[in-house]
Protein backbone atom coordinates (compact mmCIF):
# COMPACT_ATOMS: atom_id res chain seq x y z
CA MET A 1 -9.46 92.60 0.93
CA GLU A 2 -11.88 89.86 1.94
CA LYS A 3 -9.53 87.29 0.39
CA ILE A 4 -6.49 88.77 2.15
CA ASN A 5 -8.37 88.73 5.44
CA ASP A 6 -9.39 85.07 5.08
CA GLN A 7 -5.87 84.01 4.12
CA LEU A 8 -4.29 85.80 7.08
CA GLU A 9 -6.77 84.31 9.53
CA SER A 10 -6.14 80.81 8.20
CA VAL A 11 -2.34 81.14 8.31
CA ALA A 12 -2.36 82.70 11.80
CA ASP A 13 -4.65 80.01 13.22
CA SER A 14 -2.56 77.14 11.85
CA LEU A 15 0.72 78.66 13.07
CA LEU A 16 -0.59 79.36 16.56
CA GLU A 17 -2.01 75.86 16.79
CA GLY A 18 1.54 74.59 16.35
CA LEU A 19 3.02 77.35 18.51
CA GLN A 20 5.13 78.57 15.58
CA THR A 21 5.25 82.08 16.99
CA GLU A 22 8.51 83.05 15.30
CA THR A 23 6.88 82.41 11.92
CA VAL A 24 3.94 84.56 12.95
CA HIS A 25 6.42 87.38 13.66
CA LEU A 26 8.15 86.99 10.30
CA ILE A 27 5.16 86.40 8.04
CA VAL A 28 1.81 87.30 9.56
CA PHE A 29 2.55 90.62 11.28
CA PRO A 30 4.12 92.27 8.20
CA ARG A 31 1.17 91.13 6.09
CA LEU A 32 -1.29 92.38 8.66
CA GLU A 33 0.43 95.76 8.60
CA LYS A 34 0.01 95.94 4.81
CA TYR A 35 -3.61 94.84 5.12
CA LYS A 36 -4.20 97.59 7.69
CA VAL A 37 -2.66 100.26 5.44
CA MET A 38 -4.80 99.11 2.50
CA ALA A 39 -7.95 99.21 4.63
CA ASP A 40 -7.13 102.70 5.93
CA LYS A 41 -6.59 104.00 2.39
CA ALA A 42 -9.89 102.48 1.27
CA GLY A 43 -11.70 103.86 4.31
CA ASN A 44 -13.31 100.46 4.86
CA TRP A 45 -14.34 100.29 8.52
CA LYS A 46 -14.86 96.53 8.56
CA HIS A 47 -11.31 95.83 7.41
CA ARG A 48 -9.74 98.73 9.30
CA VAL A 49 -11.08 97.32 12.55
CA HIS A 50 -10.57 93.67 11.70
CA ALA A 51 -6.90 94.12 10.78
CA ARG A 52 -6.29 95.77 14.13
CA SER A 53 -8.32 93.16 16.00
CA MET A 54 -6.10 90.45 14.55
CA ILE A 55 -2.95 92.37 15.48
CA ILE A 56 -4.21 92.76 19.06
CA ALA A 57 -5.14 89.10 19.44
CA LEU A 58 -1.93 87.82 17.85
CA GLY A 59 0.18 90.37 19.70
CA TYR A 60 -1.10 88.96 22.96
CA GLU A 61 -0.70 85.32 21.92
CA CYS A 62 2.82 85.85 20.55
CA ASP A 63 4.09 88.13 23.33
CA ARG A 64 4.24 91.16 21.07
CA LEU A 65 2.16 93.30 23.38
CA GLU A 66 3.74 96.52 22.08
CA LEU A 67 2.00 95.93 18.74
CA ALA A 68 -1.30 95.21 20.45
CA MET A 69 -1.10 98.33 22.63
CA ALA A 70 -0.70 100.68 19.67
CA GLU A 71 -3.89 99.30 18.15
CA LEU A 72 -5.78 99.51 21.46
CA ILE A 73 -4.92 103.21 21.61
CA TRP A 74 -6.25 103.53 18.06
CA LEU A 75 -9.54 101.82 18.97
CA ALA A 76 -10.00 104.05 22.00
CA GLY A 77 -9.22 107.17 19.97
CA GLN A 78 -11.71 106.29 17.25
CA TRP A 79 -14.56 105.46 19.62
CA GLU A 80 -15.62 108.96 20.65
CA THR A 81 -16.30 110.12 17.08
CA ASN A 82 -17.33 106.84 15.44
CA GLN A 83 -19.69 105.18 17.88
CA GLU A 84 -22.14 104.35 15.10
CA GLU A 85 -19.66 101.94 13.47
CA TRP A 86 -20.72 98.43 14.52
CA GLU A 87 -17.37 96.84 13.76
CA LEU A 88 -15.68 99.32 16.10
CA ARG A 89 -18.36 98.85 18.75
CA ASP A 90 -17.75 95.10 18.73
CA ALA A 91 -13.94 95.44 18.75
CA MET A 92 -14.05 97.60 21.89
CA ARG A 93 -14.36 94.36 23.84
CA LEU A 94 -10.66 93.91 23.09
CA LEU A 95 -9.94 97.18 24.88
CA GLU A 96 -11.90 95.88 27.85
CA GLN A 97 -9.92 92.63 27.87
CA PHE A 98 -6.42 94.07 27.40
CA ILE A 99 -6.50 97.61 28.84
CA GLU A 100 -4.65 96.33 31.91
CA TYR A 101 -1.46 96.10 29.81
CA LEU A 102 -1.38 99.75 28.66
CA PRO A 103 0.39 100.97 31.84
CA ALA A 104 3.10 98.33 31.31
CA PHE A 105 4.74 100.51 28.67
CA PRO A 106 6.27 103.71 30.07
CA ASN A 107 6.36 105.21 26.57
CA ILE A 108 2.53 105.28 26.60
CA ALA A 109 1.59 108.63 28.13
CA LEU A 110 -0.73 108.85 31.11
CA ARG A 111 -3.10 111.03 29.09
CA ASP A 112 -3.48 108.25 26.52
CA ILE A 113 -4.11 105.64 29.21
CA ASN A 114 -6.69 107.88 30.90
CA ALA A 115 -8.34 108.64 27.55
CA ALA A 116 -8.56 104.90 26.81
CA SER A 117 -10.14 104.34 30.22
CA GLU A 118 -12.72 107.06 29.54
CA SER A 119 -13.51 105.62 26.10
CA LEU A 120 -13.95 102.18 27.64
CA GLN A 121 -16.39 103.52 30.19
CA THR A 122 -18.46 105.42 27.63
CA TRP A 123 -18.53 102.31 25.43
CA PHE A 124 -19.61 100.16 28.35
CA GLU A 125 -22.58 102.46 28.96
CA THR A 126 -23.87 101.56 25.48
CA THR A 127 -23.75 97.81 26.15
CA PHE A 128 -25.84 95.40 28.18
CA ARG A 129 -22.85 93.71 29.78
CA GLU A 130 -22.75 92.95 33.50
CA LYS A 131 -20.90 95.47 35.67
CA HIS A 132 -18.32 92.83 36.61
CA TYR A 133 -16.58 93.38 33.29
CA ILE A 134 -15.89 97.10 33.56
CA HIS A 135 -14.91 96.92 37.22
CA TRP A 136 -12.50 94.05 36.63
CA ALA A 137 -10.89 95.74 33.62
CA LEU A 138 -10.36 98.99 35.54
CA PHE A 139 -9.27 97.15 38.69
CA LYS A 140 -6.45 95.47 36.77
CA MET A 141 -5.49 98.63 34.87
CA ASN A 142 -5.33 100.79 38.00
CA THR A 143 -3.41 98.11 39.90
CA THR A 144 -0.68 98.10 37.24
CA LEU A 145 -0.76 101.88 37.06
CA GLY A 146 -0.29 102.15 40.83
CA ASN A 147 -3.61 103.92 41.42
CA LEU A 148 -4.30 101.75 44.44
CA THR A 149 -7.24 103.81 45.77
CA GLU A 150 -9.09 103.50 42.46
CA ALA A 151 -8.14 99.82 42.19
CA GLU A 152 -9.49 99.12 45.67
CA ALA A 153 -12.77 100.88 44.84
CA HIS A 154 -13.26 98.62 41.81
CA LYS A 155 -12.31 95.55 43.87
CA THR A 156 -14.88 96.50 46.51
CA ALA A 157 -17.53 96.87 43.80
CA LEU A 158 -16.60 93.44 42.42
CA LEU A 159 -16.85 91.79 45.83
CA GLU A 160 -20.27 93.35 46.35
CA LEU A 161 -21.43 92.11 42.95
CA GLU A 162 -19.98 88.69 43.69
CA GLN A 163 -22.55 88.22 46.46
CA ASP A 164 -25.09 87.61 43.68
CA ASP A 165 -22.94 84.66 42.55
CA ALA A 166 -24.03 85.30 38.98
CA LEU A 167 -20.66 85.75 37.30
CA TYR A 168 -19.39 83.87 34.32
CA LEU A 169 -16.85 85.98 32.49
CA ASN A 170 -16.87 85.20 28.80
CA SER A 171 -13.59 85.40 26.95
CA VAL A 172 -13.28 86.91 23.48
CA SER A 173 -12.28 83.37 22.50
CA ASN A 174 -14.79 80.56 22.11
CA CYS A 175 -12.35 78.14 23.74
CA PRO A 176 -13.84 76.60 26.95
CA GLU A 177 -10.39 76.35 28.53
CA CYS A 178 -9.80 80.05 27.87
CA GLN A 179 -13.08 80.86 29.60
CA LYS A 180 -12.21 78.77 32.66
CA ALA A 181 -8.74 80.32 32.75
CA ARG A 182 -10.17 83.82 32.68
CA VAL A 183 -12.56 83.05 35.54
CA SER A 184 -9.69 81.49 37.50
CA HIS A 185 -7.66 84.66 36.91
CA TYR A 186 -10.62 86.74 38.09
CA TYR A 187 -11.05 84.90 41.39
CA SER A 188 -7.29 84.83 42.01
CA SER A 189 -7.17 88.62 41.57
CA LEU A 190 -9.92 89.07 44.16
CA GLY A 191 -8.21 86.78 46.67
CA MET A 192 -10.85 84.04 46.28
CA VAL A 193 -8.15 81.43 45.84
CA ASP A 194 -10.12 78.28 46.70
CA LYS A 195 -12.74 79.13 44.11
CA ALA A 196 -10.01 79.79 41.52
CA LEU A 197 -8.28 76.52 42.39
CA ASN A 198 -11.47 74.49 42.01
CA ILE A 199 -11.98 75.91 38.52
CA ALA A 200 -8.34 75.29 37.59
CA LYS A 201 -8.58 71.65 38.68
CA LYS A 202 -11.35 71.11 36.14
CA TYR A 203 -9.18 72.00 33.18
CA LEU A 204 -6.08 70.39 34.65
CA ALA A 205 -7.96 67.09 34.72
CA LYS A 206 -7.75 66.77 30.95
CA PRO A 207 -5.13 67.51 28.27
CA ILE A 208 -4.58 71.24 27.84
CA THR A 209 -5.06 72.69 24.38
CA PRO A 210 -1.74 73.63 22.73
CA CYS A 211 -2.27 77.39 22.71
CA MET A 212 0.38 79.53 24.27
CA THR A 213 -1.23 81.92 26.71
CA ALA A 214 -4.44 80.23 27.77
CA PRO A 215 -5.13 78.52 30.03
CA ARG A 216 -1.61 79.02 31.41
CA THR A 217 -2.22 82.71 32.08
CA GLY A 218 -4.98 81.87 34.54
CA LEU A 219 -2.73 79.28 36.18
CA ALA A 220 0.11 81.80 36.51
CA TYR A 221 -2.07 84.28 38.40
CA LEU A 222 -3.36 81.46 40.60
CA LEU A 223 0.18 80.22 41.33
CA ASP A 224 1.16 83.72 42.43
CA ALA A 225 -1.87 83.91 44.74
CA LEU A 226 -1.08 80.50 46.25
CA LEU A 227 2.55 81.50 46.88
CA GLU A 228 1.36 84.67 48.60
CA LEU A 229 -0.56 82.42 51.01
CA GLU A 230 2.39 79.97 51.29
CA ARG A 231 0.21 77.12 49.99
CA LEU A 232 3.05 75.21 48.34
CA GLU A 233 1.23 71.85 48.26
CA ASP A 234 -1.54 73.34 46.12
CA ALA A 235 1.01 75.22 44.02
CA VAL A 236 2.66 71.94 42.99
CA LEU A 237 -0.55 70.92 41.17
CA LEU A 238 -0.04 73.73 38.65
CA LEU A 239 3.60 73.05 37.76
CA PRO A 240 3.21 70.47 34.95
CA ALA A 241 1.04 72.80 32.86
CA LEU A 242 3.17 75.88 33.54
CA THR A 243 6.47 74.23 32.70
CA GLN A 244 5.45 73.38 29.13
CA HIS A 245 7.77 75.06 26.61
CA LEU A 246 9.82 76.63 29.40
CA ASP A 247 13.01 76.17 27.41
CA THR A 248 11.54 78.16 24.52
CA PRO A 249 10.88 81.74 25.71
CA SER A 250 8.97 82.64 22.53
CA LYS A 251 6.41 80.02 23.54
CA ALA A 252 6.40 80.85 27.25
CA PRO A 253 6.02 84.62 27.77
CA MET A 254 7.86 86.10 30.72
CA ARG A 255 4.62 87.29 32.33
CA ILE A 256 3.58 83.62 32.63
CA VAL A 257 7.01 82.42 33.78
CA LEU A 258 7.48 84.89 36.66
CA PRO A 259 5.22 83.11 39.19
CA LEU A 260 7.01 79.87 38.33
CA LEU A 261 10.37 81.55 38.97
CA ARG A 262 9.03 82.79 42.29
CA TYR A 263 8.05 79.21 43.21
CA TYR A 264 11.56 77.94 42.46
CA LEU A 265 13.09 80.76 44.49
CA GLU A 266 10.79 80.07 47.43
CA THR A 267 11.62 76.35 47.37
CA GLU A 268 15.34 76.97 46.73
CA ASP A 269 15.34 74.88 43.56
CA ARG A 270 18.72 76.11 42.39
CA GLU A 271 18.85 74.23 39.09
CA ALA A 272 15.38 75.37 37.95
CA THR A 273 16.06 78.96 39.02
CA GLU A 274 19.37 79.13 37.17
CA LYS A 275 17.74 77.75 34.02
CA ILE A 276 14.98 80.39 33.98
CA VAL A 277 17.34 83.26 34.82
CA GLN A 278 19.77 82.18 32.10
CA GLU A 279 16.96 82.01 29.51
CA TYR A 280 15.02 85.11 30.50
CA ALA A 281 17.53 87.66 31.84
CA PRO A 282 18.65 88.58 28.29
CA LEU A 283 15.01 88.99 27.27
CA ALA A 284 14.31 91.33 30.18
CA GLU A 285 16.91 93.73 28.79
CA LYS A 286 15.00 94.27 25.54
CA LEU A 287 11.42 93.35 26.45
CA PRO A 288 9.09 96.20 25.34
CA ASP A 289 6.74 95.25 28.18
CA ARG A 290 8.84 97.06 30.77
CA TRP A 291 6.40 96.35 33.62
CA THR A 292 7.05 92.62 33.29
CA ALA A 293 10.78 93.31 33.06
CA LEU A 294 10.53 95.38 36.25
CA LYS A 295 8.80 92.51 38.05
CA PHE A 296 11.56 90.16 36.86
CA TYR A 297 14.24 92.46 38.26
CA ARG A 298 12.39 92.98 41.54
CA LEU A 299 12.03 89.25 42.01
CA THR A 300 15.60 88.30 41.11
CA GLY A 301 17.00 91.29 43.02
CA ASN A 302 15.11 90.52 46.22
CA GLU A 303 17.47 90.19 49.20
CA ARG A 304 15.28 87.59 50.90
CA TYR A 305 16.47 84.93 48.46
CA THR A 306 19.83 83.51 49.41
CA THR A 307 22.51 82.20 47.07
CA LYS A 308 21.08 78.72 47.72
CA SER A 309 18.14 79.79 45.56
CA GLY A 310 20.36 79.97 42.51
CA ILE A 311 21.16 83.70 42.18
CA SER A 312 24.58 84.94 43.24
CA ALA A 313 24.99 88.04 45.39
CA SER A 314 26.55 90.00 42.53
CA MET A 315 23.75 89.06 40.13
CA ARG A 316 21.15 89.97 42.73
CA GLN A 317 22.71 93.39 43.20
CA ASP A 318 22.79 93.94 39.44
CA PHE A 319 19.12 93.01 39.10
CA ALA A 320 18.18 95.23 42.05
CA GLU A 321 19.95 98.21 40.46
CA LYS A 322 18.13 97.58 37.18
CA ALA A 323 14.84 97.45 39.05
CA THR A 324 15.54 100.83 40.65
CA ALA A 325 16.45 102.43 37.31
CA LEU A 326 13.40 100.97 35.56
CA GLN A 327 11.07 102.04 38.35
CA ARG A 328 12.31 105.58 37.81
CA CYS A 329 11.07 105.41 34.20
CA PHE A 330 7.56 104.63 35.42
CA ASP A 331 7.69 107.27 38.18
CA GLU A 332 8.70 109.94 35.68
CA ARG A 333 6.04 109.08 33.11
CA LYS A 334 3.82 112.06 32.32
């Protein structure tokens, strides 16, 4: 299994470097699934955890979050009875990093999301990590889940901790741009937009590494925050990096594209809006990440945007109806 593991890591790294995400879907994920089954049968904790860690990381990078979420639930479920396993203890950092996405899938029951949250908190108590990490993870998760009271409590705790000015959130990746992107995301989420923008300018000043989701994820959150404040001049600075691979949805996940679509709608750039809607509307229909699909429908179905923005009245009505129906799925989740 060591050989299989090394081969899969090498293939995945080379494919992601070239953004060949479709090949990852066709080759790497099926092999990882076989590797996982072999590890489970052998009862080898190192490989059981590592197979799932690779699926989580690749699922995020390749916009296959549904695969990543299943393995996050597995990690959380194993934690309570296997806390002595060091491989599992280390992999729980992935739950911390990606737990915010669990509520995005209405097929994931509330009890499983709450259980994952409890596992994360008990794991955190065994670590020496700064409190910023747990509060930020639960702030994002509760925001997506709609638990605004709990989200606000975690945000308040973060703002109080921020007074110490001692934060430097470390990404699971060793990539410096990923780290800066994550910190930019953090400050954008807290409304500290100037601080986020200053960090973003540092990695916009040099060529961006050719990975798919970072640092563009941090830029996407920052763009959204700037648009909320109507700071269009600052928003323009982020466009070149965010528009890379826009014509290839598999290389530009919808969750990254949505703030860009909002910018084009706000500035009534009809041509750019029509291009994104044409490319991404079909994806929204089948996207497993239904929360992102809901945000797409809410945005494109918003009455404030006139036909000059590039969305016809009939299309807007259709998107608004889809948003209402999809919201019902989340409201009825048990």
